[in-house]
C-alpha atoms as a PDB file:
ATOM      1  CA  UNK A   1       0.000   0.000   0.000  1.00  0.00           C
ATOM      2  CA  UNK A   2       1.403   3.398  -1.002  1.00  0.00           C
ATOM      3  CA  UNK A   3       1.028   6.421   1.234  1.00  0.00           C
ATOM      4  CA  UNK A   4       0.879   9.964  -0.062  1.00  0.00           C
ATOM      5  CA  UNK A   5       2.324  12.677   2.145  1.00  0.00           C
ATOM      6  CA  UNK A   6       0.745  16.096   1.855  1.00  0.00           C
ATOM      7  CA  UNK A   7       3.292  18.841   2.502  1.00  0.00           C
ATOM      8  CA  UNK A   8       2.098  22.133   4.012  1.00  0.00           C
ATOM      9  CA  UNK A   9       4.281  24.209   1.621  1.00  0.00           C
ATOM     10  CA  UNK A  10       6.746  23.563  -1.180  1.00  0.00           C
ATOM     11  CA  UNK A  11      10.472  23.333  -0.560  1.00  0.00           C
ATOM     12  CA  UNK A  12      11.911  26.806  -1.153  1.00  0.00           C
ATOM     13  CA  UNK A  13       8.926  28.644   0.342  1.00  0.00           C
ATOM     14  CA  UNK A  14       9.748  31.523   2.706  1.00  0.00           C
ATOM     15  CA  UNK A  15       8.097  31.177   6.108  1.00  0.00           C
ATOM     16  CA  UNK A  16       8.159  33.055   9.410  1.00  0.00           C
ATOM     17  CA  UNK A  17       8.481  31.594  12.882  1.00  0.00           C
ATOM     18  CA  UNK A  18       6.372  32.856  15.775  1.00  0.00           C
ATOM     19  CA  UNK A  19       9.490  33.288  17.963  1.00  0.00           C
ATOM     20  CA  UNK A  20      11.341  35.294  15.263  1.00  0.00           C
ATOM     21  CA  UNK A  21       8.585  36.891  13.159  1.00  0.00           C
ATOM     22  CA  UNK A  22      10.819  39.452  11.436  1.00  0.00           C
ATOM     23  CA  UNK A  23      13.340  36.952  10.096  1.00  0.00           C
ATOM     24  CA  UNK A  24      12.409  35.154   6.869  1.00  0.00           C
ATOM     25  CA  UNK A  25      13.400  31.506   6.737  1.00  0.00           C
ATOM     26  CA  UNK A  26      13.303  29.161   3.763  1.00  0.00           C
ATOM     27  CA  UNK A  27      11.930  25.617   3.846  1.00  0.00           C
ATOM     28  CA  UNK A  28      14.917  23.470   2.831  1.00  0.00           C
ATOM     29  CA  UNK A  29      13.310  20.061   3.139  1.00  0.00           C
ATOM     30  CA  UNK A  30      11.188  17.624   5.045  1.00  0.00           C
ATOM     31  CA  UNK A  31      12.020  14.506   6.995  1.00  0.00           C
ATOM     32  CA  UNK A  32      10.274  11.785   8.913  1.00  0.00           C
ATOM     33  CA  UNK A  33      11.560  10.855  12.355  1.00  0.00           C
ATOM     34  CA  UNK A  34      14.353  12.593  14.233  1.00  0.00           C
ATOM     35  CA  UNK A  35      14.677  16.352  13.902  1.00  0.00           C
ATOM     36  CA  UNK A  36      17.659  17.860  12.089  1.00  0.00           C
ATOM     37  CA  UNK A  37      20.831  17.710  14.158  1.00  0.00           C
ATOM     38  CA  UNK A  38      19.330  15.373  16.741  1.00  0.00           C
ATOM     39  CA  UNK A  39      21.532  12.364  17.464  1.00  0.00           C
ATOM     40  CA  UNK A  40      19.928   9.022  18.153  1.00  0.00           C
ATOM     41  CA  UNK A  41      20.979   9.107  21.824  1.00  0.00           C
ATOM     42  CA  UNK A  42      19.391  12.578  22.156  1.00  0.00           C
ATOM     43  CA  UNK A  43      16.143  11.563  20.466  1.00  0.00           C
ATOM     44  CA  UNK A  44      13.217  12.976  22.402  1.00  0.00           C
ATOM     45  CA  UNK A  45      10.830  10.139  23.182  1.00  0.00           C
ATOM     46  CA  UNK A  46       7.913  12.548  22.729  1.00  0.00           C
ATOM     47  CA  UNK A  47       8.772  12.789  19.014  1.00  0.00           C
ATOM     48  CA  UNK A  48       6.976  10.224  16.930  1.00  0.00           C
ATOM     49  CA  UNK A  49       9.192   8.124  14.663  1.00  0.00           C
ATOM     50  CA  UNK A  50       6.775   8.546  11.776  1.00  0.00           C
ATOM     51  CA  UNK A  51       6.049  12.254  12.264  1.00  0.00           C
ATOM     52  CA  UNK A  52       6.789  14.679   9.403  1.00  0.00           C
ATOM     53  CA  UNK A  53       9.197  17.521  10.195  1.00  0.00           C
ATOM     54  CA  UNK A  54       9.799  20.726   8.231  1.00  0.00           C
ATOM     55  CA  UNK A  55      13.454  21.818   7.982  1.00  0.00           C
ATOM     56  CA  UNK A  56      14.038  25.579   7.689  1.00  0.00           C
ATOM     57  CA  UNK A  57      17.059  27.883   7.476  1.00  0.00           C
ATOM     58  CA  UNK A  58      17.666  31.594   7.238  1.00  0.00           C
ATOM     59  CA  UNK A  59      19.485  34.491   8.878  1.00  0.00           C
ATOM     60  CA  UNK A  60      22.102  32.073  10.208  1.00  0.00           C
ATOM     61  CA  UNK A  61      19.489  29.910  11.935  1.00  0.00           C
ATOM     62  CA  UNK A  62      18.507  26.313  11.206  1.00  0.00           C
ATOM     63  CA  UNK A  63      15.584  24.468  12.697  1.00  0.00           C
ATOM     64  CA  UNK A  64      13.167  21.595  12.546  1.00  0.00           C
ATOM     65  CA  UNK A  65       9.488  21.875  13.326  1.00  0.00           C
ATOM     66  CA  UNK A  66       6.639  19.444  13.213  1.00  0.00           C
ATOM     67  CA  UNK A  67       4.859  20.009   9.913  1.00  0.00           C
ATOM     68  CA  UNK A  68       1.644  20.066  11.935  1.00  0.00           C
ATOM     69  CA  UNK A  69       2.829  23.365  13.508  1.00  0.00           C
ATOM     70  CA  UNK A  70       2.345  25.145  10.174  1.00  0.00           C
ATOM     71  CA  UNK A  71      -0.345  27.756  10.801  1.00  0.00           C
ATOM     72  CA  UNK A  72       0.221  27.545  14.563  1.00  0.00           C
ATOM     73  CA  UNK A  73       3.846  28.646  15.055  1.00  0.00           C
ATOM     74  CA  UNK A  74       5.145  28.742  11.440  1.00  0.00           C
ATOM     75  CA  UNK A  75       3.433  31.105   8.966  1.00  0.00           C
ATOM     76  CA  UNK A  76       3.600  32.383   5.386  1.00  0.00           C
ATOM     77  CA  UNK A  77       3.766  36.047   6.400  1.00  0.00           C
ATOM     78  CA  UNK A  78       5.596  37.967   9.090  1.00  0.00           C
ATOM     79  CA  UNK A  79       2.300  39.652  10.011  1.00  0.00           C
ATOM     80  CA  UNK A  80       0.705  36.294  10.878  1.00  0.00           C
ATOM     81  CA  UNK A  81       3.778  35.322  12.949  1.00  0.00           C
ATOM     82  CA  UNK A  82       3.727  38.668  14.784  1.00  0.00           C
ATOM     83  CA  UNK A  83       0.005  38.293  15.560  1.00  0.00           C
ATOM     84  CA  UNK A  84       0.623  34.810  16.962  1.00  0.00           C
ATOM     85  CA  UNK A  85       3.557  36.081  19.044  1.00  0.00           C
ATOM     86  CA  UNK A  86       1.529  38.947  20.483  1.00  0.00           C
ATOM     87  CA  UNK A  87      -1.432  36.719  21.362  1.00  0.00           C
ATOM     88  CA  UNK A  88       0.651  34.552  23.732  1.00  0.00           C
END
């Protein structure tokens, strides 16, 4: 049985993080399982092995986020990210 994964945005899309809403970051890929830079011995047991992660980079920062956080803490515009940051 084949599974189709639906990605929230295309690779290369510029996104904005709630914690850094003024800094554009580019989606550089997706992965399933451990987050980027996380060694096996550091693997957080809360992370699901089959969960989809979005890899982003920009302004000297790199990060991994659950793809399910798109629209919650990762946004297409800086305005959306700033609104989310100010509502916390």
